[in-house]
Amino acid sequence: MNEQTIKELHALISLMDEPGTDNYRSIRQKITDYGKEAIPLLEDAWMHAGSHGDINRIEDLIDEIRFNDTYFSLENWAQFNNHDLIDAFFILTKIQYPDLDEEKYRQKLDRLKTDIWLEINENLTALEKVKVLNHIFYEIYKFRGQFPQNTRIGDFCLNNLLDNKKGSAIALGILYISMAHKLNIPVFGVDLQQHFVLAYMEDNQKIKAPEDYEEREVLFYIAVVNKGSAFTKTEIEHYLRQAHLQTKPSYFLPSSNLRIAERLINEMISAYRHDNHEDKAESLIKLLEALN
């Protein structure tokens, strides 16, 4: 921001204790229009706020600006850049960690990709490629997946996954998919109810959009919470019978990235509610609209 903009923002923020409702709404809207550039100045004002009412107003405004930024970032991803799930993962992680150092974690992702790339070659079979991925993920990096009953909100955040090597099935699955795609390996998410698994598709062709594949092109499935073990359609059918769930085509087919992002949001909503953060859950419900 230039000096003039900073002065204008300071002046507006200094008026936030305006008691009149209409005047306050006008001031709030003008500050909101500056977007996330206003947040550092608002945080500074919060540190020096003189009353509880001022503190609440500043906190609410910061939350609104961050929500708007997240909404428009996710909407932009959904419309123009939804081929890369990691980008959506960063956007959603910043809900819990708004000051996330994205470059730091991009570098960690690059190192992970390089480590896999050094072990992979095009002459390997599909199972051999998965064996390499699993070796790097579960033996070298020691990633492990959390079963649904054990997950908390931190298990759905990319930074925690990369730092602590532990995450929910969908978080670990998104990371696995992303690394595979960077190396032209056709692994996709499958929206199986109560479980998030992956599908390895025929790899004798250029990778297609997930919704363009047919079930006959599935070579096998991958359980990310079970160290990447491979399994067949028969085992999904057995699980559905055991769980008394109706069979749907989507339980056997690659899911679109938009659907995976939607599922990640829904699982985050459940985690926030489990921890009694209904305000965060309500914000995420509104965020689902950005994907449509």
Protein backbone atom coordinates (compact mmCIF):
# COMPACT_ATOMS: atom_id res chain seq x y z
CA MET A 1 0.00 0.00 0.00
CA ASN A 2 1.16 3.53 -0.69
CA GLU A 3 1.38 6.13 2.04
CA GLN A 4 -1.88 7.82 1.06
CA THR A 5 -3.80 4.55 1.26
CA ILE A 6 -2.34 3.80 4.68
CA LYS A 7 -3.41 7.23 5.92
CA GLU A 8 -6.93 6.71 4.59
CA LEU A 9 -7.20 3.33 6.28
CA HIS A 10 -5.86 4.66 9.57
CA ALA A 11 -8.47 7.40 9.45
CA LEU A 12 -11.30 4.95 8.78
CA ILE A 13 -10.17 2.53 11.48
CA SER A 14 -9.99 5.38 14.00
CA LEU A 15 -13.71 5.97 13.37
CA MET A 16 -14.76 2.40 14.13
CA ASP A 17 -15.99 3.39 17.59
CA GLU A 18 -18.65 5.49 15.82
CA PRO A 19 -21.79 4.79 17.87
CA GLY A 20 -24.27 5.41 15.06
CA THR A 21 -25.27 2.16 13.32
CA ASP A 22 -25.60 3.65 9.84
CA ASN A 23 -22.28 5.49 10.07
CA TYR A 24 -20.54 2.39 11.38
CA ARG A 25 -21.87 0.28 8.52
CA SER A 26 -20.57 2.80 6.01
CA ILE A 27 -17.13 2.90 7.64
CA ARG A 28 -17.02 -0.90 7.92
CA GLN A 29 -17.86 -1.32 4.23
CA LYS A 30 -15.17 1.14 3.17
CA ILE A 31 -12.55 -0.73 5.20
CA THR A 32 -13.77 -4.07 3.85
CA ASP A 33 -13.32 -2.78 0.30
CA TYR A 34 -9.56 -2.59 0.89
CA GLY A 35 -9.49 -6.35 1.31
CA LYS A 36 -6.79 -8.23 3.19
CA GLU A 37 -4.39 -5.28 2.88
CA ALA A 38 -6.36 -3.74 5.74
CA ILE A 39 -5.72 -6.65 8.12
CA PRO A 40 -2.26 -5.62 9.46
CA LEU A 41 -3.59 -2.16 10.35
CA LEU A 42 -6.69 -3.68 11.93
CA GLU A 43 -4.55 -6.05 13.98
CA ASP A 44 -2.48 -3.12 15.18
CA ALA A 45 -5.68 -1.26 16.11
CA TRP A 46 -6.88 -4.37 17.97
CA MET A 47 -3.71 -4.32 20.09
CA HIS A 48 -4.46 -0.74 21.15
CA ALA A 49 -8.26 -0.93 21.35
CA GLY A 50 -9.65 0.89 24.35
CA SER A 51 -12.88 -1.02 24.93
CA HIS A 52 -14.36 -4.47 24.60
CA GLY A 53 -16.81 -3.17 22.02
CA ASP A 54 -14.00 -1.87 19.81
CA ILE A 55 -12.17 -5.19 20.08
CA ASN A 56 -15.27 -7.12 19.00
CA ARG A 57 -15.87 -4.84 16.04
CA ILE A 58 -12.29 -5.18 14.87
CA GLU A 59 -12.30 -8.98 15.27
CA ASP A 60 -15.58 -9.25 13.36
CA LEU A 61 -14.22 -7.09 10.55
CA ILE A 62 -11.00 -9.10 10.27
CA ASP A 63 -13.07 -12.30 10.11
CA GLU A 64 -15.28 -10.82 7.39
CA ILE A 65 -12.31 -9.71 5.28
CA ARG A 66 -10.63 -13.09 5.62
CA PHE A 67 -13.85 -14.91 4.73
CA ASN A 68 -14.37 -12.74 1.64
CA ASP A 69 -10.79 -13.37 0.53
CA THR A 70 -11.19 -17.13 1.04
CA TYR A 71 -14.53 -17.15 -0.78
CA PHE A 72 -13.24 -15.32 -3.84
CA SER A 73 -10.02 -17.38 -3.92
CA LEU A 74 -12.01 -20.61 -3.82
CA GLU A 75 -14.51 -19.33 -6.38
CA ASN A 76 -11.64 -18.40 -8.70
CA TRP A 77 -10.07 -21.85 -8.19
CA ALA A 78 -13.37 -23.57 -8.96
CA GLN A 79 -13.87 -21.61 -12.18
CA PHE A 80 -10.37 -21.41 -13.60
CA ASN A 81 -7.81 -23.56 -11.78
CA ASN A 82 -9.54 -26.64 -10.41
CA HIS A 83 -7.08 -29.04 -12.04
CA ASP A 84 -4.75 -28.56 -9.05
CA LEU A 85 -6.20 -29.80 -5.76
CA ILE A 86 -3.24 -28.53 -3.77
CA ASP A 87 -4.25 -24.93 -4.53
CA ALA A 88 -7.68 -25.56 -2.99
CA PHE A 89 -5.98 -27.31 -0.07
CA PHE A 90 -3.91 -24.19 0.65
CA ILE A 91 -6.99 -21.95 0.45
CA LEU A 92 -8.92 -24.10 2.93
CA THR A 93 -5.96 -24.59 5.28
CA LYS A 94 -5.72 -20.81 5.65
CA ILE A 95 -9.15 -20.78 7.28
CA GLN A 96 -7.51 -22.33 10.33
CA TYR A 97 -4.06 -20.81 9.76
CA PRO A 98 -4.59 -17.40 8.09
CA ASP A 99 -0.92 -16.42 8.43
CA LEU A 100 0.36 -19.62 6.81
CA ASP A 101 3.75 -19.25 5.08
CA GLU A 102 2.66 -20.76 1.76
CA GLU A 103 6.09 -20.55 0.14
CA LYS A 104 7.61 -22.61 2.96
CA TYR A 105 5.14 -25.43 2.34
CA ARG A 106 5.41 -25.16 -1.44
CA GLN A 107 9.11 -25.90 -0.98
CA LYS A 108 8.30 -28.95 1.15
CA LEU A 109 5.98 -30.19 -1.60
CA ASP A 110 8.72 -29.71 -4.19
CA ARG A 111 11.14 -31.77 -2.08
CA LEU A 112 8.57 -34.55 -1.74
CA LYS A 113 7.95 -34.56 -5.49
CA THR A 114 11.69 -34.68 -6.21
CA ASP A 115 12.19 -37.60 -3.84
CA ILE A 116 9.48 -39.57 -5.65
CA TRP A 117 10.72 -38.53 -9.10
CA LEU A 118 14.20 -39.89 -8.34
CA GLU A 119 12.70 -43.37 -7.78
CA ILE A 120 10.11 -43.41 -10.58
CA ASN A 121 10.60 -44.31 -14.24
CA GLU A 122 8.14 -44.85 -17.07
CA ASN A 123 9.05 -48.52 -17.50
CA LEU A 124 7.51 -49.47 -14.15
CA THR A 125 4.11 -51.13 -14.03
CA ALA A 126 1.20 -49.42 -12.29
CA LEU A 127 1.67 -51.51 -9.15
CA GLU A 128 5.41 -50.82 -9.15
CA LYS A 129 4.79 -47.07 -9.39
CA VAL A 130 2.40 -47.25 -6.43
CA LYS A 131 5.00 -49.27 -4.55
CA VAL A 132 7.48 -46.40 -5.06
CA LEU A 133 4.90 -43.80 -3.99
CA ASN A 134 4.09 -45.85 -0.90
CA HIS A 135 7.77 -46.31 -0.05
CA ILE A 136 8.37 -42.54 -0.10
CA PHE A 137 5.09 -41.65 1.63
CA TYR A 138 4.94 -44.28 4.35
CA GLU A 139 8.49 -45.50 4.88
CA ILE A 140 10.68 -42.48 4.13
CA TYR A 141 8.38 -39.60 5.12
CA LYS A 142 6.37 -41.68 7.64
CA PHE A 143 2.98 -40.25 6.63
CA ARG A 144 0.03 -41.89 8.34
CA GLY A 145 -3.70 -41.47 7.93
CA GLN A 146 -6.22 -40.91 10.68
CA PHE A 147 -9.47 -42.85 10.69
CA PRO A 148 -12.62 -40.65 10.78
CA GLN A 149 -13.42 -41.20 14.44
CA ASN A 150 -9.98 -39.88 15.44
CA THR A 151 -9.80 -36.74 13.30
CA ARG A 152 -9.70 -33.15 14.53
CA ILE A 153 -9.62 -29.94 12.53
CA GLY A 154 -5.81 -29.94 12.38
CA ASP A 155 -5.95 -33.24 10.51
CA PHE A 156 -7.53 -31.44 7.54
CA CYS A 157 -4.76 -28.82 7.21
CA LEU A 158 -1.89 -29.14 4.77
CA ASN A 159 0.73 -27.58 7.04
CA ASN A 160 0.01 -30.04 9.84
CA LEU A 161 0.14 -32.94 7.41
CA LEU A 162 3.56 -31.87 6.12
CA ASP A 163 4.93 -30.98 9.56
CA ASN A 164 3.52 -33.83 11.66
CA LYS A 165 3.18 -36.47 8.90
CA LYS A 166 -0.36 -37.19 10.09
CA GLY A 167 -3.71 -36.31 8.56
CA SER A 168 -7.23 -37.35 7.67
CA ALA A 169 -7.81 -39.75 4.79
CA ILE A 170 -8.91 -36.94 2.48
CA ALA A 171 -5.95 -34.71 3.40
CA LEU A 172 -3.46 -37.52 2.80
CA GLY A 173 -5.36 -38.54 -0.33
CA ILE A 174 -5.18 -35.04 -1.83
CA LEU A 175 -1.43 -34.95 -1.20
CA TYR A 176 -1.01 -38.40 -2.78
CA ILE A 177 -3.10 -37.40 -5.83
CA SER A 178 -1.16 -34.17 -6.28
CA MET A 179 2.23 -35.85 -6.17
CA ALA A 180 1.06 -38.55 -8.58
CA HIS A 181 -0.24 -36.01 -11.09
CA LYS A 182 2.98 -34.00 -11.00
CA LEU A 183 4.67 -37.19 -12.20
CA ASN A 184 1.94 -38.05 -14.77
CA ILE A 185 0.59 -40.95 -12.74
CA PRO A 186 -3.22 -41.28 -13.15
CA VAL A 187 -4.39 -41.53 -9.54
CA PHE A 188 -7.72 -39.94 -8.59
CA GLY A 189 -9.95 -39.61 -5.56
CA VAL A 190 -13.05 -41.78 -5.17
CA ASP A 191 -15.96 -40.33 -3.19
CA LEU A 192 -16.79 -43.49 -1.26
CA GLN A 193 -19.18 -42.86 1.61
CA GLN A 194 -17.46 -42.78 5.03
CA HIS A 195 -14.11 -43.59 3.40
CA PHE A 196 -11.95 -41.63 0.98
CA VAL A 197 -9.97 -43.92 -1.30
CA LEU A 198 -8.06 -43.54 -4.57
CA ALA A 199 -8.31 -45.18 -7.98
CA TYR A 200 -5.39 -45.93 -10.30
CA MET A 201 -6.61 -45.59 -13.89
CA GLU A 202 -5.22 -47.03 -17.11
CA ASP A 203 -1.92 -45.31 -17.76
CA ASN A 204 -1.39 -46.09 -21.43
CA GLN A 205 -2.87 -42.74 -22.41
CA LYS A 206 -2.68 -39.06 -21.50
CA ILE A 207 -4.22 -38.26 -18.13
CA LYS A 208 -7.84 -37.17 -18.57
CA ALA A 209 -10.17 -35.14 -16.40
CA PRO A 210 -11.52 -37.46 -13.66
CA GLU A 211 -15.10 -37.24 -14.91
CA ASP A 212 -14.01 -38.45 -18.38
CA TYR A 213 -12.96 -41.91 -17.16
CA GLU A 214 -15.16 -45.02 -17.19
CA GLU A 215 -15.21 -47.74 -14.57
CA ARG A 216 -13.59 -50.26 -16.95
CA GLU A 217 -10.48 -48.05 -16.93
CA VAL A 218 -9.89 -48.57 -13.19
CA LEU A 219 -6.90 -50.86 -12.68
CA PHE A 220 -7.19 -51.01 -8.88
CA TYR A 221 -7.97 -48.91 -5.80
CA ILE A 222 -5.63 -47.53 -3.12
CA ALA A 223 -6.30 -47.19 0.63
CA VAL A 224 -4.27 -44.18 1.79
CA VAL A 225 -5.04 -44.81 5.48
CA ASN A 226 -3.68 -48.34 5.15
CA LYS A 227 -0.20 -47.44 3.84
CA GLY A 228 -1.37 -47.26 0.24
CA SER A 229 -2.41 -50.90 -0.03
CA ALA A 230 -4.08 -51.88 -3.32
CA PHE A 231 -7.50 -53.51 -3.46
CA THR A 232 -10.27 -54.32 -5.95
CA LYS A 233 -13.86 -53.37 -6.71
CA THR A 234 -14.99 -56.57 -4.98
CA GLU A 235 -13.74 -55.23 -1.66
CA ILE A 236 -15.70 -51.98 -2.11
CA GLU A 237 -18.82 -54.02 -2.85
CA HIS A 238 -18.21 -56.10 0.27
CA TYR A 239 -17.80 -52.95 2.37
CA LEU A 240 -21.05 -51.48 1.01
CA ARG A 241 -22.95 -54.67 1.89
CA GLN A 242 -21.46 -54.77 5.38
CA ALA A 243 -22.33 -51.09 5.96
CA HIS A 244 -25.82 -51.55 4.46
CA LEU A 245 -25.15 -48.78 1.94
CA GLN A 246 -26.81 -48.53 -1.44
CA THR A 247 -24.41 -49.01 -4.36
CA LYS A 248 -23.79 -45.91 -6.48
CA PRO A 249 -21.61 -45.52 -9.62
CA SER A 250 -19.70 -42.71 -7.89
CA TYR A 251 -18.37 -45.19 -5.32
CA PHE A 252 -16.25 -46.82 -8.04
CA LEU A 253 -15.32 -43.88 -10.29
CA PRO A 254 -12.84 -41.01 -10.11
CA SER A 255 -14.42 -37.97 -8.51
CA SER A 256 -14.09 -34.42 -9.83
CA ASN A 257 -11.73 -32.09 -8.01
CA LEU A 258 -14.69 -29.84 -7.21
CA ARG A 259 -16.42 -32.73 -5.46
CA ILE A 260 -13.25 -33.56 -3.51
CA ALA A 261 -12.94 -29.92 -2.38
CA GLU A 262 -16.61 -30.00 -1.36
CA ARG A 263 -16.04 -33.18 0.63
CA LEU A 264 -12.99 -31.65 2.35
CA ILE A 265 -15.10 -28.65 3.38
CA ASN A 266 -17.88 -30.88 4.70
CA GLU A 267 -15.44 -32.94 6.75
CA MET A 268 -13.92 -29.73 8.13
CA ILE A 269 -17.43 -28.58 9.09
CA SER A 270 -17.92 -31.81 11.06
CA ALA A 271 -14.55 -31.36 12.78
CA TYR A 272 -15.33 -27.78 13.80
CA ARG A 273 -18.70 -28.86 15.17
CA HIS A 274 -17.06 -31.69 17.09
CA ASP A 275 -14.87 -29.06 18.78
CA ASN A 276 -17.89 -26.76 19.39
CA HIS A 277 -16.81 -24.08 16.90
CA GLU A 278 -20.21 -23.54 15.33
CA ASP A 279 -19.22 -20.09 14.03
CA LYS A 280 -16.42 -21.62 11.95
CA ALA A 281 -18.75 -24.37 10.75
CA GLU A 282 -21.34 -21.82 9.61
CA SER A 283 -18.69 -19.89 7.67
CA LEU A 284 -17.66 -23.05 5.86
CA ILE A 285 -21.27 -23.84 4.97
CA LYS A 286 -21.44 -20.46 3.23
CA LEU A 287 -18.13 -21.23 1.55
CA LEU A 288 -19.65 -24.24 -0.24
CA GLU A 289 -21.46 -21.78 -2.51
CA ALA A 290 -18.12 -20.73 -3.99
CA LEU A 291 -17.77 -24.15 -5.62
CA ASN A 292 -21.02 -23.81 -7.57
